[in-house]
Amino acid sequence: MGFWKWLKDLFRPLIKELWAMIKEFISGGTELLLAQLQEIAITAVKMVASDPGLITDSDKRKRAFDIIKAKAIEQGLGVRDSLINFAIELAVNYLKQVGGL
């Protein structure tokens, strides 16, 4: 058995465990971030839906996006645009189901 194979086999379980911990951390962090973002999104979508000055859906989406982005920055949440768009979709679907829209 070569030295490099022996070394690789020695560290393989450690690397596997470390990778599992990293994936769990990332997954848990994303869920927490999305939960925080979702509260902001529901509030923003409700505000935008009741604004008579916004007529088109694209205007409403842009305004909701801007509100969520500002609140997220204010709360120190580093979020990508795709996650904000996802939160808007979830908020709209949730509010439609519970009769909030």
C-alpha atoms as a PDB file:
ATOM      1  CA  MET A   1       0.000   0.000   0.000  1.00  0.00           C
ATOM      2  CA  GLY A   2       1.396   3.360  -1.008  1.00  0.00           C
ATOM      3  CA  PHE A   3       1.820   6.204   1.401  1.00  0.00           C
ATOM      4  CA  TRP A   4      -0.693   8.482  -0.354  1.00  0.00           C
ATOM      5  CA  LYS A   5      -3.365   5.795  -0.425  1.00  0.00           C
ATOM      6  CA  TRP A   6      -2.762   5.108   3.256  1.00  0.00           C
ATOM      7  CA  LEU A   7      -2.996   8.834   4.054  1.00  0.00           C
ATOM      8  CA  LYS A   8      -6.161   9.212   1.969  1.00  0.00           C
ATOM      9  CA  ASP A   9      -7.770   6.216   3.678  1.00  0.00           C
ATOM     10  CA  LEU A  10      -6.774   7.618   7.048  1.00  0.00           C
ATOM     11  CA  PHE A  11      -8.512  10.957   6.468  1.00  0.00           C
ATOM     12  CA  ARG A  12     -11.485   9.734   4.436  1.00  0.00           C
ATOM     13  CA  PRO A  13     -13.834   9.237   7.462  1.00  0.00           C
ATOM     14  CA  LEU A  14     -12.853  12.616   8.867  1.00  0.00           C
ATOM     15  CA  ILE A  15     -13.491  14.376   5.571  1.00  0.00           C
ATOM     16  CA  LYS A  16     -16.796  12.558   5.134  1.00  0.00           C
ATOM     17  CA  GLU A  17     -17.943  13.634   8.628  1.00  0.00           C
ATOM     18  CA  LEU A  18     -16.754  17.189   8.098  1.00  0.00           C
ATOM     19  CA  TRP A  19     -18.616  17.400   4.764  1.00  0.00           C
ATOM     20  CA  ALA A  20     -21.814  16.131   6.421  1.00  0.00           C
ATOM     21  CA  MET A  21     -21.484  18.786   9.136  1.00  0.00           C
ATOM     22  CA  ILE A  22     -20.949  21.525   6.542  1.00  0.00           C
ATOM     23  CA  LYS A  23     -24.020  20.425   4.558  1.00  0.00           C
ATOM     24  CA  GLU A  24     -26.135  20.336   7.738  1.00  0.00           C
ATOM     25  CA  PHE A  25     -24.926  23.799   8.742  1.00  0.00           C
ATOM     26  CA  ILE A  26     -25.687  25.254   5.314  1.00  0.00           C
ATOM     27  CA  SER A  27     -29.105  23.595   5.205  1.00  0.00           C
ATOM     28  CA  GLY A  28     -30.063  24.810   8.684  1.00  0.00           C
ATOM     29  CA  GLY A  29     -28.798  28.309   7.957  1.00  0.00           C
ATOM     30  CA  THR A  30     -30.794  28.499   4.756  1.00  0.00           C
ATOM     31  CA  GLU A  31     -33.973  27.371   6.517  1.00  0.00           C
ATOM     32  CA  LEU A  32     -33.513  29.982   9.237  1.00  0.00           C
ATOM     33  CA  LEU A  33     -32.767  32.692   6.696  1.00  0.00           C
ATOM     34  CA  LEU A  34     -35.803  31.763   4.609  1.00  0.00           C
ATOM     35  CA  ALA A  35     -38.041  31.757   7.710  1.00  0.00           C
ATOM     36  CA  GLN A  36     -36.875  35.272   8.611  1.00  0.00           C
ATOM     37  CA  LEU A  37     -37.225  36.419   5.029  1.00  0.00           C
ATOM     38  CA  GLN A  38     -40.685  34.893   4.715  1.00  0.00           C
ATOM     39  CA  GLU A  39     -42.072  37.030   7.540  1.00  0.00           C
ATOM     40  CA  ILE A  40     -40.763  40.131   5.781  1.00  0.00           C
ATOM     41  CA  ALA A  41     -42.144  38.937   2.436  1.00  0.00           C
ATOM     42  CA  ILE A  42     -45.659  38.287   3.744  1.00  0.00           C
ATOM     43  CA  THR A  43     -45.803  41.785   5.239  1.00  0.00           C
ATOM     44  CA  ALA A  44     -44.429  43.353   2.042  1.00  0.00           C
ATOM     45  CA  VAL A  45     -46.836  41.467  -0.240  1.00  0.00           C
ATOM     46  CA  LYS A  46     -49.793  42.507   1.929  1.00  0.00           C
ATOM     47  CA  MET A  47     -48.670  46.154   1.783  1.00  0.00           C
ATOM     48  CA  VAL A  48     -48.186  46.062  -1.968  1.00  0.00           C
ATOM     49  CA  ALA A  49     -51.510  44.316  -2.595  1.00  0.00           C
ATOM     50  CA  SER A  50     -53.380  47.077  -0.785  1.00  0.00           C
ATOM     51  CA  ASP A  51     -51.549  49.914  -2.581  1.00  0.00           C
ATOM     52  CA  PRO A  52     -53.972  51.401  -5.164  1.00  0.00           C
ATOM     53  CA  GLY A  53     -51.124  53.172  -6.969  1.00  0.00           C
ATOM     54  CA  LEU A  54     -49.643  49.910  -8.190  1.00  0.00           C
ATOM     55  CA  ILE A  55     -51.693  48.524 -11.044  1.00  0.00           C
ATOM     56  CA  THR A  56     -49.624  45.911 -12.868  1.00  0.00           C
ATOM     57  CA  ASP A  57     -48.285  42.713 -11.356  1.00  0.00           C
ATOM     58  CA  SER A  58     -44.756  43.626 -12.411  1.00  0.00           C
ATOM     59  CA  ASP A  59     -45.027  46.956 -10.529  1.00  0.00           C
ATOM     60  CA  LYS A  60     -46.265  45.109  -7.444  1.00  0.00           C
ATOM     61  CA  ARG A  61     -43.485  42.526  -7.678  1.00  0.00           C
ATOM     62  CA  LYS A  62     -40.811  45.201  -8.070  1.00  0.00           C
ATOM     63  CA  ARG A  63     -42.143  47.178  -5.114  1.00  0.00           C
ATOM     64  CA  ALA A  64     -42.363  44.056  -2.930  1.00  0.00           C
ATOM     65  CA  PHE A  65     -38.834  43.111  -3.983  1.00  0.00           C
ATOM     66  CA  ASP A  66     -37.510  46.572  -3.065  1.00  0.00           C
ATOM     67  CA  ILE A  67     -39.247  46.494   0.339  1.00  0.00           C
ATOM     68  CA  ILE A  68     -37.940  43.022   1.153  1.00  0.00           C
ATOM     69  CA  LYS A  69     -34.401  43.856   0.017  1.00  0.00           C
ATOM     70  CA  ALA A  70     -34.337  47.023   2.154  1.00  0.00           C
ATOM     71  CA  LYS A  71     -35.704  45.230   5.230  1.00  0.00           C
ATOM     72  CA  ALA A  72     -33.278  42.344   4.776  1.00  0.00           C
ATOM     73  CA  ILE A  73     -30.327  44.741   4.601  1.00  0.00           C
ATOM     74  CA  GLU A  74     -31.688  46.635   7.601  1.00  0.00           C
ATOM     75  CA  GLN A  75     -31.809  43.367   9.590  1.00  0.00           C
ATOM     76  CA  GLY A  76     -28.369  42.304   8.424  1.00  0.00           C
ATOM     77  CA  LEU A  77     -29.570  39.424   6.271  1.00  0.00           C
ATOM     78  CA  GLY A  78     -27.350  38.771   3.299  1.00  0.00           C
ATOM     79  CA  VAL A  79     -29.704  37.439   0.645  1.00  0.00           C
ATOM     80  CA  ARG A  80     -29.486  36.934  -3.080  1.00  0.00           C
ATOM     81  CA  ASP A  81     -32.124  38.214  -5.456  1.00  0.00           C
ATOM     82  CA  SER A  82     -33.218  34.668  -6.285  1.00  0.00           C
ATOM     83  CA  LEU A  83     -34.031  33.989  -2.630  1.00  0.00           C
ATOM     84  CA  ILE A  84     -36.068  37.193  -2.423  1.00  0.00           C
ATOM     85  CA  ASN A  85     -38.014  36.201  -5.547  1.00  0.00           C
ATOM     86  CA  PHE A  86     -38.615  32.766  -4.029  1.00  0.00           C
ATOM     87  CA  ALA A  87     -39.865  34.372  -0.797  1.00  0.00           C
ATOM     88  CA  ILE A  88     -42.267  36.554  -2.807  1.00  0.00           C
ATOM     89  CA  GLU A  89     -43.675  33.481  -4.568  1.00  0.00           C
ATOM     90  CA  LEU A  90     -44.121  31.668  -1.262  1.00  0.00           C
ATOM     91  CA  ALA A  91     -45.785  34.692   0.320  1.00  0.00           C
ATOM     92  CA  VAL A  92     -48.204  35.155  -2.579  1.00  0.00           C
ATOM     93  CA  ASN A  93     -49.153  31.464  -2.562  1.00  0.00           C
ATOM     94  CA  TYR A  94     -49.563  31.451   1.224  1.00  0.00           C
ATOM     95  CA  LEU A  95     -51.737  34.564   1.235  1.00  0.00           C
ATOM     96  CA  LYS A  96     -53.903  33.175  -1.574  1.00  0.00           C
ATOM     97  CA  GLN A  97     -54.447  29.966   0.413  1.00  0.00           C
ATOM     98  CA  VAL A  98     -55.427  31.756   3.618  1.00  0.00           C
ATOM     99  CA  GLY A  99     -57.540  34.355   1.818  1.00  0.00           C
ATOM    100  CA  GLY A 100     -55.180  37.261   2.449  1.00  0.00           C
ATOM    101  CA  LEU A 101     -55.087  38.267  -1.229  1.00  0.00           C
END
